[in-house]
N, C-alpha and C. Protein backbone atom coordinates (compact mmCIF):
# COMPACT_ATOMS: atom_id res chain seq x y z
N UNK A 1 175.09 51.25 -44.59
CA UNK A 1 174.55 50.39 -45.64
C UNK A 1 174.70 48.93 -45.19
N UNK A 2 173.70 48.15 -45.47
CA UNK A 2 173.69 46.75 -45.05
C UNK A 2 174.63 45.90 -45.91
N UNK A 3 174.88 44.70 -45.45
CA UNK A 3 175.73 43.77 -46.18
C UNK A 3 175.12 43.42 -47.54
N UNK A 4 173.81 43.18 -47.55
CA UNK A 4 173.15 42.86 -48.82
C UNK A 4 173.23 44.04 -49.79
N UNK A 5 173.02 45.24 -49.28
CA UNK A 5 173.09 46.42 -50.13
C UNK A 5 174.50 46.60 -50.69
N UNK A 6 175.51 46.28 -49.90
CA UNK A 6 176.88 46.38 -50.39
C UNK A 6 177.14 45.40 -51.52
N UNK A 7 176.45 44.25 -51.48
CA UNK A 7 176.65 43.23 -52.50
C UNK A 7 176.12 43.67 -53.87
N UNK A 8 175.23 44.65 -53.91
CA UNK A 8 174.69 45.09 -55.21
C UNK A 8 175.41 46.30 -55.77
N UNK A 9 176.43 46.79 -55.08
CA UNK A 9 177.12 48.00 -55.53
C UNK A 9 177.60 47.93 -56.97
N UNK A 10 178.19 46.82 -57.37
CA UNK A 10 178.71 46.73 -58.75
C UNK A 10 177.58 46.79 -59.77
N UNK A 11 176.44 46.14 -59.46
CA UNK A 11 175.29 46.20 -60.36
C UNK A 11 174.71 47.61 -60.42
N UNK A 12 174.57 48.21 -59.24
CA UNK A 12 173.95 49.53 -59.15
C UNK A 12 174.79 50.59 -59.86
N UNK A 13 176.09 50.49 -59.72
CA UNK A 13 176.97 51.47 -60.37
C UNK A 13 176.79 51.43 -61.89
N UNK A 14 176.81 50.25 -62.46
CA UNK A 14 176.60 50.10 -63.91
C UNK A 14 175.21 50.57 -64.32
N UNK A 15 174.21 50.21 -63.55
CA UNK A 15 172.82 50.54 -63.86
C UNK A 15 172.60 52.05 -63.88
N UNK A 16 173.18 52.76 -62.90
CA UNK A 16 172.98 54.20 -62.81
C UNK A 16 173.73 54.98 -63.88
N UNK A 17 174.69 54.36 -64.53
CA UNK A 17 175.48 55.05 -65.54
C UNK A 17 174.72 55.26 -66.84
N UNK A 18 173.67 54.49 -67.08
CA UNK A 18 172.93 54.56 -68.34
C UNK A 18 171.47 54.90 -68.08
N UNK A 19 170.86 55.60 -69.01
CA UNK A 19 169.43 55.88 -68.89
C UNK A 19 169.12 57.10 -68.02
N UNK A 20 167.84 57.23 -67.66
CA UNK A 20 167.38 58.36 -66.84
C UNK A 20 167.96 58.31 -65.44
N UNK A 21 168.75 59.29 -65.11
CA UNK A 21 169.51 59.27 -63.86
C UNK A 21 168.61 59.30 -62.63
N UNK A 22 167.62 60.19 -62.60
CA UNK A 22 166.76 60.29 -61.42
C UNK A 22 165.98 59.01 -61.18
N UNK A 23 165.41 58.48 -62.23
CA UNK A 23 164.63 57.25 -62.09
C UNK A 23 165.52 56.10 -61.63
N UNK A 24 166.67 55.98 -62.22
CA UNK A 24 167.55 54.87 -61.85
C UNK A 24 168.06 55.01 -60.42
N UNK A 25 168.33 56.23 -60.00
CA UNK A 25 168.74 56.46 -58.61
C UNK A 25 167.60 56.07 -57.67
N UNK A 26 166.37 56.42 -58.04
CA UNK A 26 165.21 56.07 -57.22
C UNK A 26 165.03 54.55 -57.15
N UNK A 27 165.22 53.86 -58.27
CA UNK A 27 165.09 52.41 -58.28
C UNK A 27 166.15 51.76 -57.39
N UNK A 28 167.37 52.25 -57.45
CA UNK A 28 168.44 51.71 -56.61
C UNK A 28 168.12 51.95 -55.14
N UNK A 29 167.59 53.12 -54.81
CA UNK A 29 167.23 53.41 -53.41
C UNK A 29 166.11 52.46 -52.95
N UNK A 30 165.17 52.16 -53.82
CA UNK A 30 164.10 51.22 -53.45
C UNK A 30 164.67 49.82 -53.23
N UNK A 31 165.61 49.42 -54.07
CA UNK A 31 166.25 48.11 -53.89
C UNK A 31 166.97 48.06 -52.55
N UNK A 32 167.68 49.13 -52.22
CA UNK A 32 168.42 49.18 -50.95
C UNK A 32 167.47 49.13 -49.77
N UNK A 33 166.35 49.86 -49.84
CA UNK A 33 165.37 49.81 -48.75
C UNK A 33 164.82 48.40 -48.58
N UNK A 34 164.52 47.74 -49.69
CA UNK A 34 164.03 46.37 -49.64
C UNK A 34 165.08 45.46 -49.00
N UNK A 35 166.33 45.56 -49.44
CA UNK A 35 167.38 44.71 -48.90
C UNK A 35 167.65 45.00 -47.43
N UNK A 36 167.61 46.27 -47.04
CA UNK A 36 167.80 46.62 -45.63
C UNK A 36 166.71 45.98 -44.77
N UNK A 37 165.46 46.02 -45.26
CA UNK A 37 164.35 45.43 -44.51
C UNK A 37 164.55 43.92 -44.41
N UNK A 38 164.90 43.28 -45.52
CA UNK A 38 165.11 41.83 -45.53
C UNK A 38 166.22 41.45 -44.54
N UNK A 39 167.29 42.20 -44.57
CA UNK A 39 168.42 41.88 -43.68
C UNK A 39 168.04 42.09 -42.22
N UNK A 40 167.21 43.08 -41.94
CA UNK A 40 166.76 43.34 -40.57
C UNK A 40 165.93 42.17 -40.03
N UNK A 41 165.32 41.41 -40.91
CA UNK A 41 164.53 40.25 -40.49
C UNK A 41 165.43 39.10 -40.05
N UNK A 42 166.72 39.16 -40.41
CA UNK A 42 167.70 38.18 -39.96
C UNK A 42 167.63 36.83 -40.66
N UNK A 43 167.03 36.78 -41.83
CA UNK A 43 166.88 35.50 -42.51
C UNK A 43 167.86 35.30 -43.67
N UNK A 44 168.43 36.38 -44.17
CA UNK A 44 169.22 36.31 -45.40
C UNK A 44 170.58 36.98 -45.17
N UNK A 45 171.64 36.30 -45.59
CA UNK A 45 172.99 36.86 -45.49
C UNK A 45 173.61 37.11 -46.85
N UNK A 46 173.01 36.54 -47.90
CA UNK A 46 173.57 36.64 -49.24
C UNK A 46 172.43 36.85 -50.23
N UNK A 47 172.74 37.55 -51.32
CA UNK A 47 171.72 37.78 -52.36
C UNK A 47 171.20 36.47 -52.94
N UNK A 48 172.03 35.45 -52.97
CA UNK A 48 171.62 34.15 -53.50
C UNK A 48 170.53 33.50 -52.65
N UNK A 49 170.39 33.92 -51.41
CA UNK A 49 169.39 33.36 -50.51
C UNK A 49 168.02 34.01 -50.67
N UNK A 50 167.96 35.12 -51.40
CA UNK A 50 166.68 35.80 -51.60
C UNK A 50 165.72 34.93 -52.39
N UNK A 51 164.47 34.96 -52.01
CA UNK A 51 163.48 34.18 -52.73
C UNK A 51 162.13 34.87 -52.72
N UNK A 52 161.18 34.24 -53.35
CA UNK A 52 159.83 34.79 -53.46
C UNK A 52 159.19 34.99 -52.09
N UNK A 53 159.50 34.11 -51.16
CA UNK A 53 158.94 34.22 -49.81
C UNK A 53 159.31 35.55 -49.17
N UNK A 54 160.54 36.00 -49.39
CA UNK A 54 160.98 37.26 -48.81
C UNK A 54 160.24 38.45 -49.42
N UNK A 55 159.98 38.37 -50.71
CA UNK A 55 159.23 39.44 -51.37
C UNK A 55 157.80 39.48 -50.85
N UNK A 56 157.19 38.32 -50.67
CA UNK A 56 155.82 38.27 -50.15
C UNK A 56 155.77 38.85 -48.74
N UNK A 57 156.75 38.54 -47.92
CA UNK A 57 156.81 39.12 -46.57
C UNK A 57 156.94 40.64 -46.64
N UNK A 58 157.71 41.11 -47.61
CA UNK A 58 157.86 42.56 -47.77
C UNK A 58 156.53 43.19 -48.17
N UNK A 59 155.77 42.54 -49.05
CA UNK A 59 154.47 43.09 -49.44
C UNK A 59 153.53 43.15 -48.24
N UNK A 60 153.59 42.15 -47.38
CA UNK A 60 152.76 42.18 -46.18
C UNK A 60 153.17 43.33 -45.26
N UNK A 61 154.46 43.58 -45.20
CA UNK A 61 154.97 44.67 -44.35
C UNK A 61 154.59 46.05 -44.90
N UNK A 62 154.48 46.18 -46.21
CA UNK A 62 154.23 47.48 -46.83
C UNK A 62 152.78 47.66 -47.28
N UNK A 63 151.86 47.02 -46.61
CA UNK A 63 150.44 47.12 -46.98
C UNK A 63 149.92 48.55 -47.00
N UNK A 64 150.50 49.41 -46.16
CA UNK A 64 149.99 50.78 -46.04
C UNK A 64 150.45 51.70 -47.17
N UNK A 65 151.38 51.26 -48.00
CA UNK A 65 151.83 52.08 -49.13
C UNK A 65 150.79 52.05 -50.25
N UNK A 66 150.80 53.09 -51.05
CA UNK A 66 149.84 53.16 -52.15
C UNK A 66 150.15 52.09 -53.20
N UNK A 67 149.15 51.80 -54.01
CA UNK A 67 149.29 50.81 -55.08
C UNK A 67 150.42 51.22 -56.03
N UNK A 68 150.48 52.51 -56.35
CA UNK A 68 151.51 53.01 -57.28
C UNK A 68 152.91 52.88 -56.67
N UNK A 69 153.05 53.16 -55.40
CA UNK A 69 154.36 53.05 -54.74
C UNK A 69 154.80 51.59 -54.70
N UNK A 70 153.88 50.71 -54.36
CA UNK A 70 154.22 49.30 -54.31
C UNK A 70 154.59 48.78 -55.70
N UNK A 71 153.93 49.28 -56.73
CA UNK A 71 154.30 48.90 -58.10
C UNK A 71 155.72 49.37 -58.42
N UNK A 72 156.06 50.58 -57.97
CA UNK A 72 157.42 51.08 -58.15
C UNK A 72 158.45 50.18 -57.46
N UNK A 73 158.11 49.71 -56.26
CA UNK A 73 159.00 48.78 -55.56
C UNK A 73 159.09 47.45 -56.31
N UNK A 74 157.96 47.00 -56.88
CA UNK A 74 158.00 45.75 -57.64
C UNK A 74 158.92 45.88 -58.85
N UNK A 75 158.86 47.03 -59.53
CA UNK A 75 159.76 47.25 -60.67
C UNK A 75 161.21 47.20 -60.22
N UNK A 76 161.50 47.83 -59.07
CA UNK A 76 162.87 47.83 -58.55
C UNK A 76 163.31 46.41 -58.18
N UNK A 77 162.42 45.67 -57.52
CA UNK A 77 162.77 44.29 -57.14
C UNK A 77 162.94 43.43 -58.38
N UNK A 78 162.20 43.73 -59.44
CA UNK A 78 162.37 43.00 -60.70
C UNK A 78 163.76 43.24 -61.28
N UNK A 79 164.25 44.45 -61.15
CA UNK A 79 165.62 44.76 -61.59
C UNK A 79 166.62 43.95 -60.78
N UNK A 80 166.42 43.91 -59.46
CA UNK A 80 167.29 43.12 -58.59
C UNK A 80 167.24 41.65 -58.99
N UNK A 81 166.06 41.13 -59.27
CA UNK A 81 165.90 39.73 -59.70
C UNK A 81 166.74 39.46 -60.94
N UNK A 82 166.73 40.40 -61.86
CA UNK A 82 167.52 40.26 -63.08
C UNK A 82 169.01 40.27 -62.76
N UNK A 83 169.43 41.15 -61.89
CA UNK A 83 170.85 41.25 -61.54
C UNK A 83 171.37 39.95 -60.93
N UNK A 84 170.55 39.30 -60.12
CA UNK A 84 171.03 38.11 -59.41
C UNK A 84 170.58 36.82 -60.09
N UNK A 85 170.13 36.95 -61.35
CA UNK A 85 169.79 35.80 -62.20
C UNK A 85 168.73 34.87 -61.60
N UNK A 86 167.71 35.45 -61.00
CA UNK A 86 166.59 34.65 -60.50
C UNK A 86 165.67 34.32 -61.67
N UNK A 87 165.12 33.12 -61.70
CA UNK A 87 164.17 32.78 -62.77
C UNK A 87 162.84 33.49 -62.56
N UNK A 88 162.10 33.66 -63.62
CA UNK A 88 160.78 34.29 -63.56
C UNK A 88 160.87 35.73 -63.06
N UNK A 89 159.76 36.21 -62.56
CA UNK A 89 159.68 37.56 -61.99
C UNK A 89 159.37 37.41 -60.50
N UNK A 90 159.66 38.43 -59.71
CA UNK A 90 159.28 38.35 -58.29
C UNK A 90 157.75 38.45 -58.16
N UNK A 91 157.21 37.99 -57.05
CA UNK A 91 155.76 38.08 -56.85
C UNK A 91 155.30 39.54 -56.91
N UNK A 92 154.16 39.75 -57.54
CA UNK A 92 153.60 41.11 -57.62
C UNK A 92 152.94 41.45 -56.29
N UNK A 93 152.88 42.75 -55.97
CA UNK A 93 152.21 43.12 -54.72
C UNK A 93 150.72 42.78 -54.79
N UNK A 94 150.20 42.23 -53.72
CA UNK A 94 148.79 41.91 -53.68
C UNK A 94 148.03 43.11 -53.14
N UNK A 95 146.74 43.13 -53.38
CA UNK A 95 145.91 44.25 -52.96
C UNK A 95 145.78 44.28 -51.45
N UNK A 96 145.62 45.49 -50.95
CA UNK A 96 145.38 45.69 -49.53
C UNK A 96 144.01 45.14 -49.19
N UNK A 97 143.89 44.38 -48.12
CA UNK A 97 142.61 43.78 -47.73
C UNK A 97 141.53 44.82 -47.49
N UNK A 98 141.90 45.98 -46.96
CA UNK A 98 140.90 47.03 -46.72
C UNK A 98 140.29 47.51 -48.02
N UNK A 99 141.10 47.65 -49.06
CA UNK A 99 140.58 48.07 -50.36
C UNK A 99 139.65 47.02 -50.93
N UNK A 100 139.99 45.74 -50.76
CA UNK A 100 139.13 44.68 -51.27
C UNK A 100 137.79 44.68 -50.56
N UNK A 101 137.80 44.88 -49.24
CA UNK A 101 136.55 44.90 -48.48
C UNK A 101 135.68 46.06 -48.91
N UNK A 102 136.29 47.23 -49.13
CA UNK A 102 135.53 48.40 -49.56
C UNK A 102 134.92 48.17 -50.95
N UNK A 103 135.67 47.57 -51.84
CA UNK A 103 135.17 47.30 -53.18
C UNK A 103 134.03 46.29 -53.14
N UNK A 104 134.17 45.27 -52.29
CA UNK A 104 133.11 44.28 -52.18
C UNK A 104 131.84 44.89 -51.60
N UNK A 105 132.00 45.79 -50.61
CA UNK A 105 130.83 46.43 -50.03
C UNK A 105 130.12 47.32 -51.04
N UNK A 106 130.90 48.01 -51.86
CA UNK A 106 130.30 48.88 -52.88
C UNK A 106 129.57 48.07 -53.94
N UNK A 107 130.08 46.89 -54.26
CA UNK A 107 129.45 46.04 -55.27
C UNK A 107 128.16 45.42 -54.76
N UNK A 108 128.04 45.27 -53.45
CA UNK A 108 126.86 44.64 -52.87
C UNK A 108 125.69 45.62 -52.71
N UNK A 109 125.94 46.91 -52.90
CA UNK A 109 124.89 47.90 -52.69
C UNK A 109 123.99 48.03 -53.89
């Protein structure tokens, strides 16, 4: 487990104790995957250093995931944002460029 993931243990433990267990476990795993990826980039050593830029980079990295999966990750990152008292919400995943091009081509026909 990464250093960032270890820093959320106290939040994750409390979060998993209440509500739907499977869903909450899945959300925590998504948070950990996000934090592991961020830490692998070598830019962040503390949860306080996380910002919108890191989330946007993650969306660029996960372009190949489905819209529904990326939305699930956004919900998980929103939970993390709440835990670390970040203002506002994290950036939402943007559409895959390939999907936009296909939609534009269909509209032009």
